[in-house]
Amino acid sequence: MAGNFRDRADDSLLTLLGDLPDLVSTLVKAEIDAAKTWISRTAKDAGIGSVWFLVALFFLFWTVPVVLVFAIAGLSSWFPVWLSAIITFGILLLAVLVFALLGILKFRKVLRRENPAQAVATDIRIVKEAGDGR
């Protein structure tokens, strides 16, 4: 496409206006092609990145039991093993409750927020009401 440019300084206004639909069409097609290329590359990179995150989560999944066994073994230096396991379980349960509460609070905040579709609907309703008031 870069080689298709020519000097249009001597063209008349009517010639330039006549070429405008073709130029706009070419521009729109080029933008659509660029968007398709961007989507394709972005989807590929996101897919590969997701796989790497899944691999990391796999190893994290197996790391958590090791840390818990380490905690139980460490606490068993002071307490019996069964009490160490119950203490570790209680700490984990407390962590679950705290993080679940934080998640619930965040989702409540999200649900109270007006989404763009609701904002557009409100704007349309206001414009219609203003138009009916004349």
N, C-alpha and C. Protein backbone atom coordinates (compact mmCIF):
# COMPACT_ATOMS: atom_id res chain seq x y z
N MET A 1 0.81 -1.19 0.00
CA MET A 1 0.00 0.00 0.00
C MET A 1 0.85 1.25 0.00
N ALA A 2 2.05 1.19 0.56
CA ALA A 2 2.89 2.36 0.69
C ALA A 2 3.31 2.90 -0.67
N GLY A 3 3.37 2.04 -1.67
CA GLY A 3 3.81 2.47 -3.00
C GLY A 3 2.70 3.09 -3.83
N ASN A 4 1.45 3.11 -3.35
CA ASN A 4 0.32 3.61 -4.13
C ASN A 4 0.09 5.11 -3.97
N PHE A 5 0.93 5.81 -3.26
CA PHE A 5 0.74 7.24 -3.07
C PHE A 5 1.22 8.00 -4.29
N ARG A 6 0.49 9.07 -4.59
CA ARG A 6 0.90 9.94 -5.69
C ARG A 6 0.63 11.37 -5.28
N ASP A 7 1.26 12.30 -5.98
CA ASP A 7 1.10 13.72 -5.68
C ASP A 7 -0.27 14.17 -6.19
N ARG A 8 -1.09 14.65 -5.28
CA ARG A 8 -2.46 15.04 -5.64
C ARG A 8 -2.62 16.55 -5.56
N ALA A 9 -1.52 17.27 -5.55
CA ALA A 9 -1.58 18.73 -5.39
C ALA A 9 -2.29 19.41 -6.55
N ASP A 10 -2.22 18.86 -7.75
CA ASP A 10 -2.83 19.50 -8.91
C ASP A 10 -4.25 19.01 -9.18
N ASP A 11 -4.76 18.05 -8.42
CA ASP A 11 -6.12 17.55 -8.64
C ASP A 11 -7.14 18.60 -8.20
N SER A 12 -8.27 18.62 -8.89
CA SER A 12 -9.32 19.58 -8.55
C SER A 12 -10.08 19.11 -7.31
N LEU A 13 -10.84 20.01 -6.74
CA LEU A 13 -11.62 19.70 -5.55
C LEU A 13 -12.64 18.60 -5.86
N LEU A 14 -13.26 18.68 -7.03
CA LEU A 14 -14.25 17.66 -7.39
C LEU A 14 -13.61 16.28 -7.55
N THR A 15 -12.40 16.25 -8.09
CA THR A 15 -11.69 14.97 -8.24
C THR A 15 -11.36 14.40 -6.86
N LEU A 16 -10.90 15.28 -5.98
CA LEU A 16 -10.58 14.82 -4.62
C LEU A 16 -11.82 14.33 -3.89
N LEU A 17 -12.93 15.07 -4.04
CA LEU A 17 -14.18 14.65 -3.40
C LEU A 17 -14.70 13.36 -4.00
N GLY A 18 -14.50 13.17 -5.29
CA GLY A 18 -14.92 11.93 -5.94
C GLY A 18 -14.13 10.72 -5.46
N ASP A 19 -12.87 10.95 -5.13
CA ASP A 19 -12.02 9.85 -4.65
C ASP A 19 -12.21 9.57 -3.16
N LEU A 20 -12.91 10.45 -2.48
CA LEU A 20 -13.07 10.32 -1.04
C LEU A 20 -13.72 9.00 -0.61
N PRO A 21 -14.80 8.54 -1.23
CA PRO A 21 -15.39 7.25 -0.80
C PRO A 21 -14.40 6.08 -0.92
N ASP A 22 -13.61 6.06 -2.01
CA ASP A 22 -12.63 4.98 -2.16
C ASP A 22 -11.55 5.08 -1.08
N LEU A 23 -11.12 6.29 -0.78
CA LEU A 23 -10.10 6.48 0.25
C LEU A 23 -10.61 6.05 1.63
N VAL A 24 -11.85 6.43 1.93
CA VAL A 24 -12.44 6.04 3.22
C VAL A 24 -12.61 4.53 3.28
N SER A 25 -13.07 3.94 2.19
CA SER A 25 -13.24 2.49 2.14
C SER A 25 -11.91 1.78 2.34
N THR A 26 -10.86 2.26 1.68
CA THR A 26 -9.54 1.67 1.84
C THR A 26 -9.04 1.82 3.26
N LEU A 27 -9.28 2.99 3.85
CA LEU A 27 -8.86 3.23 5.23
C LEU A 27 -9.59 2.29 6.18
N VAL A 28 -10.90 2.14 6.00
CA VAL A 28 -11.68 1.25 6.89
C VAL A 28 -11.20 -0.18 6.75
N LYS A 29 -10.95 -0.63 5.52
CA LYS A 29 -10.47 -2.00 5.31
C LYS A 29 -9.11 -2.20 5.97
N ALA A 30 -8.24 -1.21 5.85
CA ALA A 30 -6.91 -1.31 6.47
C ALA A 30 -7.03 -1.36 8.00
N GLU A 31 -7.93 -0.57 8.56
CA GLU A 31 -8.12 -0.58 10.01
C GLU A 31 -8.69 -1.91 10.48
N ILE A 32 -9.62 -2.47 9.71
CA ILE A 32 -10.19 -3.77 10.06
C ILE A 32 -9.12 -4.86 9.99
N ASP A 33 -8.28 -4.82 8.95
CA ASP A 33 -7.19 -5.79 8.84
C ASP A 33 -6.20 -5.66 10.00
N ALA A 34 -5.92 -4.41 10.38
CA ALA A 34 -5.00 -4.19 11.50
C ALA A 34 -5.63 -4.70 12.80
N ALA A 35 -6.93 -4.50 12.97
CA ALA A 35 -7.61 -4.99 14.17
C ALA A 35 -7.60 -6.52 14.21
N LYS A 36 -7.83 -7.16 13.05
CA LYS A 36 -7.79 -8.62 13.00
C LYS A 36 -6.40 -9.14 13.37
N THR A 37 -5.38 -8.50 12.85
CA THR A 37 -4.01 -8.92 13.17
C THR A 37 -3.72 -8.73 14.65
N TRP A 38 -4.15 -7.61 15.20
CA TRP A 38 -3.93 -7.34 16.62
C TRP A 38 -4.65 -8.37 17.48
N ILE A 39 -5.91 -8.68 17.14
CA ILE A 39 -6.68 -9.66 17.90
C ILE A 39 -6.02 -11.03 17.83
N SER A 40 -5.56 -11.40 16.64
CA SER A 40 -4.92 -12.70 16.47
C SER A 40 -3.65 -12.81 17.32
N ARG A 41 -2.81 -11.80 17.25
CA ARG A 41 -1.56 -11.83 18.03
C ARG A 41 -1.84 -11.78 19.53
N THR A 42 -2.79 -10.94 19.92
CA THR A 42 -3.12 -10.80 21.34
C THR A 42 -3.71 -12.10 21.89
N ALA A 43 -4.59 -12.74 21.11
CA ALA A 43 -5.19 -14.00 21.56
C ALA A 43 -4.12 -15.09 21.70
N LYS A 44 -3.19 -15.13 20.76
CA LYS A 44 -2.12 -16.13 20.82
C LYS A 44 -1.25 -15.89 22.06
N ASP A 45 -0.84 -14.64 22.27
CA ASP A 45 0.00 -14.32 23.43
C ASP A 45 -0.74 -14.57 24.75
N ALA A 46 -2.03 -14.23 24.78
CA ALA A 46 -2.82 -14.47 25.99
C ALA A 46 -2.96 -15.97 26.25
N GLY A 47 -3.14 -16.75 25.20
CA GLY A 47 -3.24 -18.20 25.36
C GLY A 47 -1.96 -18.80 25.91
N ILE A 48 -0.84 -18.38 25.36
CA ILE A 48 0.45 -18.89 25.84
C ILE A 48 0.71 -18.43 27.27
N GLY A 49 0.39 -17.18 27.57
CA GLY A 49 0.54 -16.68 28.94
C GLY A 49 -0.35 -17.44 29.92
N SER A 50 -1.56 -17.79 29.49
CA SER A 50 -2.46 -18.56 30.34
C SER A 50 -1.89 -19.94 30.64
N VAL A 51 -1.27 -20.56 29.66
CA VAL A 51 -0.66 -21.87 29.87
C VAL A 51 0.45 -21.77 30.92
N TRP A 52 1.28 -20.72 30.83
CA TRP A 52 2.35 -20.55 31.81
C TRP A 52 1.78 -20.34 33.21
N PHE A 53 0.66 -19.59 33.32
CA PHE A 53 0.03 -19.42 34.62
C PHE A 53 -0.52 -20.74 35.15
N LEU A 54 -1.07 -21.56 34.26
CA LEU A 54 -1.58 -22.86 34.69
C LEU A 54 -0.45 -23.75 35.20
N VAL A 55 0.70 -23.70 34.54
CA VAL A 55 1.87 -24.47 35.00
C VAL A 55 2.29 -23.97 36.38
N ALA A 56 2.32 -22.65 36.55
CA ALA A 56 2.69 -22.09 37.86
C ALA A 56 1.68 -22.52 38.93
N LEU A 57 0.40 -22.51 38.60
CA LEU A 57 -0.62 -22.94 39.56
C LEU A 57 -0.49 -24.42 39.90
N PHE A 58 -0.09 -25.24 38.94
CA PHE A 58 0.13 -26.66 39.19
C PHE A 58 1.20 -26.84 40.27
N PHE A 59 2.31 -26.15 40.12
CA PHE A 59 3.38 -26.27 41.11
C PHE A 59 2.97 -25.65 42.45
N LEU A 60 2.20 -24.56 42.40
CA LEU A 60 1.71 -23.96 43.64
C LEU A 60 0.78 -24.93 44.37
N PHE A 61 -0.04 -25.64 43.61
CA PHE A 61 -0.97 -26.62 44.18
C PHE A 61 -0.21 -27.66 45.00
N TRP A 62 0.93 -28.10 44.52
CA TRP A 62 1.71 -29.11 45.24
C TRP A 62 2.60 -28.49 46.31
N THR A 63 2.81 -27.20 46.29
CA THR A 63 3.62 -26.53 47.29
C THR A 63 2.83 -26.32 48.58
N VAL A 64 1.55 -26.06 48.47
CA VAL A 64 0.73 -25.77 49.64
C VAL A 64 0.74 -26.92 50.65
N PRO A 65 0.53 -28.19 50.26
CA PRO A 65 0.58 -29.26 51.25
C PRO A 65 1.95 -29.38 51.93
N VAL A 66 3.00 -29.11 51.19
CA VAL A 66 4.34 -29.18 51.78
C VAL A 66 4.49 -28.12 52.87
N VAL A 67 4.01 -26.93 52.62
CA VAL A 67 4.09 -25.86 53.62
C VAL A 67 3.24 -26.21 54.85
N LEU A 68 2.09 -26.80 54.60
CA LEU A 68 1.23 -27.18 55.73
C LEU A 68 1.87 -28.28 56.58
N VAL A 69 2.47 -29.26 55.94
CA VAL A 69 3.17 -30.32 56.68
C VAL A 69 4.33 -29.71 57.47
N PHE A 70 5.02 -28.76 56.86
CA PHE A 70 6.11 -28.08 57.55
C PHE A 70 5.60 -27.34 58.79
N ALA A 71 4.44 -26.69 58.67
CA ALA A 71 3.86 -25.97 59.81
C ALA A 71 3.47 -26.95 60.91
N ILE A 72 2.85 -28.05 60.54
CA ILE A 72 2.47 -29.04 61.54
C ILE A 72 3.70 -29.63 62.22
N ALA A 73 4.72 -29.93 61.43
CA ALA A 73 5.95 -30.48 62.00
C ALA A 73 6.63 -29.47 62.93
N GLY A 74 6.61 -28.22 62.54
CA GLY A 74 7.21 -27.19 63.39
C GLY A 74 6.46 -27.02 64.69
N LEU A 75 5.14 -26.99 64.63
CA LEU A 75 4.34 -26.85 65.85
C LEU A 75 4.44 -28.09 66.73
N SER A 76 4.72 -29.23 66.12
CA SER A 76 4.81 -30.47 66.91
C SER A 76 6.04 -30.47 67.81
N SER A 77 6.92 -29.50 67.66
CA SER A 77 8.05 -29.36 68.58
C SER A 77 7.57 -28.91 69.95
N TRP A 78 6.45 -28.18 70.00
CA TRP A 78 5.90 -27.67 71.25
C TRP A 78 4.64 -28.41 71.70
N PHE A 79 3.87 -28.90 70.73
CA PHE A 79 2.58 -29.54 71.02
C PHE A 79 2.57 -30.96 70.45
N PRO A 80 1.60 -31.76 70.87
CA PRO A 80 1.45 -33.06 70.21
C PRO A 80 1.06 -32.87 68.74
N VAL A 81 1.32 -33.87 67.93
CA VAL A 81 1.06 -33.75 66.48
C VAL A 81 -0.41 -33.47 66.21
N TRP A 82 -1.31 -34.12 66.91
CA TRP A 82 -2.74 -33.92 66.65
C TRP A 82 -3.14 -32.48 66.95
N LEU A 83 -2.59 -31.89 68.01
CA LEU A 83 -2.91 -30.50 68.34
C LEU A 83 -2.29 -29.54 67.31
N SER A 84 -1.10 -29.87 66.84
CA SER A 84 -0.45 -29.06 65.80
C SER A 84 -1.30 -29.05 64.53
N ALA A 85 -1.87 -30.20 64.19
CA ALA A 85 -2.73 -30.29 62.99
C ALA A 85 -4.00 -29.47 63.19
N ILE A 86 -4.59 -29.52 64.38
CA ILE A 86 -5.82 -28.75 64.64
C ILE A 86 -5.52 -27.25 64.62
N ILE A 87 -4.40 -26.83 65.19
CA ILE A 87 -4.03 -25.41 65.17
C ILE A 87 -3.83 -24.94 63.73
N THR A 88 -3.12 -25.73 62.93
CA THR A 88 -2.90 -25.38 61.52
C THR A 88 -4.23 -25.28 60.79
N PHE A 89 -5.12 -26.25 61.04
CA PHE A 89 -6.45 -26.23 60.42
C PHE A 89 -7.22 -24.97 60.82
N GLY A 90 -7.16 -24.60 62.10
CA GLY A 90 -7.86 -23.40 62.58
C GLY A 90 -7.33 -22.13 61.92
N ILE A 91 -6.02 -22.05 61.78
CA ILE A 91 -5.42 -20.87 61.11
C ILE A 91 -5.86 -20.80 59.66
N LEU A 92 -5.88 -21.95 58.98
CA LEU A 92 -6.33 -21.97 57.58
C LEU A 92 -7.80 -21.58 57.46
N LEU A 93 -8.63 -22.09 58.38
CA LEU A 93 -10.05 -21.76 58.36
C LEU A 93 -10.27 -20.27 58.60
N LEU A 94 -9.51 -19.70 59.51
CA LEU A 94 -9.58 -18.27 59.76
C LEU A 94 -9.18 -17.47 58.51
N ALA A 95 -8.12 -17.91 57.83
CA ALA A 95 -7.69 -17.25 56.60
C ALA A 95 -8.78 -17.33 55.53
N VAL A 96 -9.42 -18.49 55.41
CA VAL A 96 -10.51 -18.65 54.43
C VAL A 96 -11.63 -17.67 54.74
N LEU A 97 -12.01 -17.56 55.99
CA LEU A 97 -13.09 -16.65 56.37
C LEU A 97 -12.75 -15.19 56.08
N VAL A 98 -11.53 -14.80 56.41
CA VAL A 98 -11.11 -13.40 56.18
C VAL A 98 -11.11 -13.09 54.69
N PHE A 99 -10.52 -13.97 53.88
CA PHE A 99 -10.45 -13.69 52.44
C PHE A 99 -11.82 -13.79 51.77
N ALA A 100 -12.68 -14.69 52.25
CA ALA A 100 -14.04 -14.76 51.71
C ALA A 100 -14.81 -13.48 52.03
N LEU A 101 -14.64 -12.96 53.24
CA LEU A 101 -15.30 -11.71 53.62
C LEU A 101 -14.80 -10.55 52.75
N LEU A 102 -13.49 -10.49 52.53
CA LEU A 102 -12.94 -9.44 51.67
C LEU A 102 -13.51 -9.56 50.25
N GLY A 103 -13.63 -10.78 49.74
CA GLY A 103 -14.21 -10.98 48.41
C GLY A 103 -15.66 -10.56 48.34
N ILE A 104 -16.43 -10.90 49.37
CA ILE A 104 -17.85 -10.51 49.40
C ILE A 104 -17.97 -8.99 49.42
N LEU A 105 -17.17 -8.34 50.22
CA LEU A 105 -17.22 -6.87 50.27
C LEU A 105 -16.87 -6.24 48.93
N LYS A 106 -15.89 -6.80 48.23
CA LYS A 106 -15.51 -6.26 46.93
C LYS A 106 -16.62 -6.47 45.90
N PHE A 107 -17.26 -7.66 45.92
CA PHE A 107 -18.34 -7.91 44.97
C PHE A 107 -19.55 -7.03 45.25
N ARG A 108 -19.83 -6.74 46.50
CA ARG A 108 -20.92 -5.81 46.81
C ARG A 108 -20.64 -4.44 46.21
N LYS A 109 -19.38 -4.02 46.26
CA LYS A 109 -18.99 -2.73 45.68
C LYS A 109 -19.19 -2.75 44.17
N VAL A 110 -18.84 -3.87 43.54
CA VAL A 110 -18.99 -4.00 42.09
C VAL A 110 -20.46 -3.97 41.70
N LEU A 111 -21.30 -4.65 42.45
CA LEU A 111 -22.72 -4.73 42.11
C LEU A 111 -23.43 -3.39 42.28
N ARG A 112 -22.93 -2.55 43.16
CA ARG A 112 -23.54 -1.22 43.35
C ARG A 112 -23.17 -0.24 42.24
N ARG A 113 -22.07 -0.53 41.54
CA ARG A 113 -21.57 0.38 40.52
C ARG A 113 -22.46 0.30 39.27
N GLU A 114 -22.73 1.46 38.66
CA GLU A 114 -23.54 1.50 37.43
C GLU A 114 -22.66 1.12 36.26
N ASN A 115 -23.13 0.15 35.45
CA ASN A 115 -22.35 -0.26 34.29
C ASN A 115 -22.63 0.68 33.12
N PRO A 116 -21.78 0.67 32.08
CA PRO A 116 -21.95 1.59 30.95
C PRO A 116 -23.30 1.44 30.24
N ALA A 117 -23.81 0.22 30.15
CA ALA A 117 -25.10 0.02 29.48
C ALA A 117 -26.21 0.72 30.26
N GLN A 118 -26.17 0.65 31.57
CA GLN A 118 -27.16 1.34 32.39
C GLN A 118 -27.02 2.85 32.24
N ALA A 119 -25.79 3.34 32.14
CA ALA A 119 -25.57 4.78 31.96
C ALA A 119 -26.15 5.26 30.63
N VAL A 120 -25.94 4.48 29.57
CA VAL A 120 -26.49 4.85 28.26
C VAL A 120 -28.01 4.84 28.31
N ALA A 121 -28.59 3.82 28.93
CA ALA A 121 -30.04 3.74 29.03
C ALA A 121 -30.59 4.93 29.81
N THR A 122 -29.91 5.32 30.86
CA THR A 122 -30.34 6.49 31.64
C THR A 122 -30.25 7.76 30.80
N ASP A 123 -29.16 7.91 30.04
CA ASP A 123 -29.00 9.09 29.17
C ASP A 123 -30.11 9.13 28.11
N ILE A 124 -30.43 8.00 27.51
CA ILE A 124 -31.49 7.95 26.48
C ILE A 124 -32.83 8.33 27.10
N ARG A 125 -33.10 7.81 28.29
CA ARG A 125 -34.35 8.13 28.97
C ARG A 125 -34.44 9.63 29.27
N ILE A 126 -33.34 10.23 29.71
CA ILE A 126 -33.32 11.67 30.02
C ILE A 126 -33.55 12.49 28.75
N VAL A 127 -32.92 12.09 27.64
CA VAL A 127 -33.10 12.81 26.37
C VAL A 127 -34.53 12.69 25.89
N LYS A 128 -35.13 11.49 26.01
CA LYS A 128 -36.53 11.31 25.59
C LYS A 128 -37.46 12.16 26.43
N GLU A 129 -37.22 12.19 27.74
CA GLU A 129 -38.06 12.99 28.61
C GLU A 129 -37.93 14.48 28.30
N ALA A 130 -36.71 14.91 27.97
CA ALA A 130 -36.50 16.31 27.62
C ALA A 130 -37.18 16.63 26.29
N GLY A 131 -37.18 15.67 25.34
CA GLY A 131 -37.83 15.89 24.05
C GLY A 131 -39.35 15.91 24.17
N ASP A 132 -39.90 15.12 25.08
CA ASP A 132 -41.35 15.08 25.26
C ASP A 132 -41.87 16.32 26.00
N GLY A 133 -41.00 16.98 26.71
CA GLY A 133 -41.40 18.15 27.49
C GLY A 133 -41.61 19.39 26.66
N ARG A 134 -41.25 19.39 25.40
CA ARG A 134 -41.39 20.61 24.57
C ARG A 134 -42.80 20.87 24.21
